[in-house]
């Protein structure tokens, strides 16, 4: 038979103390703060390459739409707001920290800040180049006028 003191000692060891619970909650709160507050570092190079890839993808989509729908499709870009649109599709946003320069034929320039590259049903285009820069590097996304082929290359 157990004594009353031994029984009381067993009961105390079965649970957690208030201090143990508070320390555990503090550690969990600290972990949550770290996870919620974490933002991956924004790489300028990745942002530049990502924007160039977005533009190239949009240009290729515009060319495909022109061929499939058998009608001219335009890739419109607004250099001031860093947005572009394919035909009458949704407006897509590019990162604001980059500079954009559009080189296209005179008939495709709307004003100093907006213009486009037109794709024809046979796959050809009005041609042009969109340069994306982050201050240190420049990537040029070019469109061949004869074939409509889109290329991406580092610019000097």
Foldseek 3Di string as FASTA:
>chain_A
DDDPVVVVVVVVVPDDDPVVVVVVVVVVVVVVCCVVPDDPDDDPVCLQVVLLVVVLVLLVVLLVCQQVVQAKWKWKAFQQQQWIDIRPDDIDHGDPQKGKDKFFDPVQAPDRGMGIKMAHNVQAIRWIWMWIGNVPWIKIWTAHRGRRDTDIDTDD
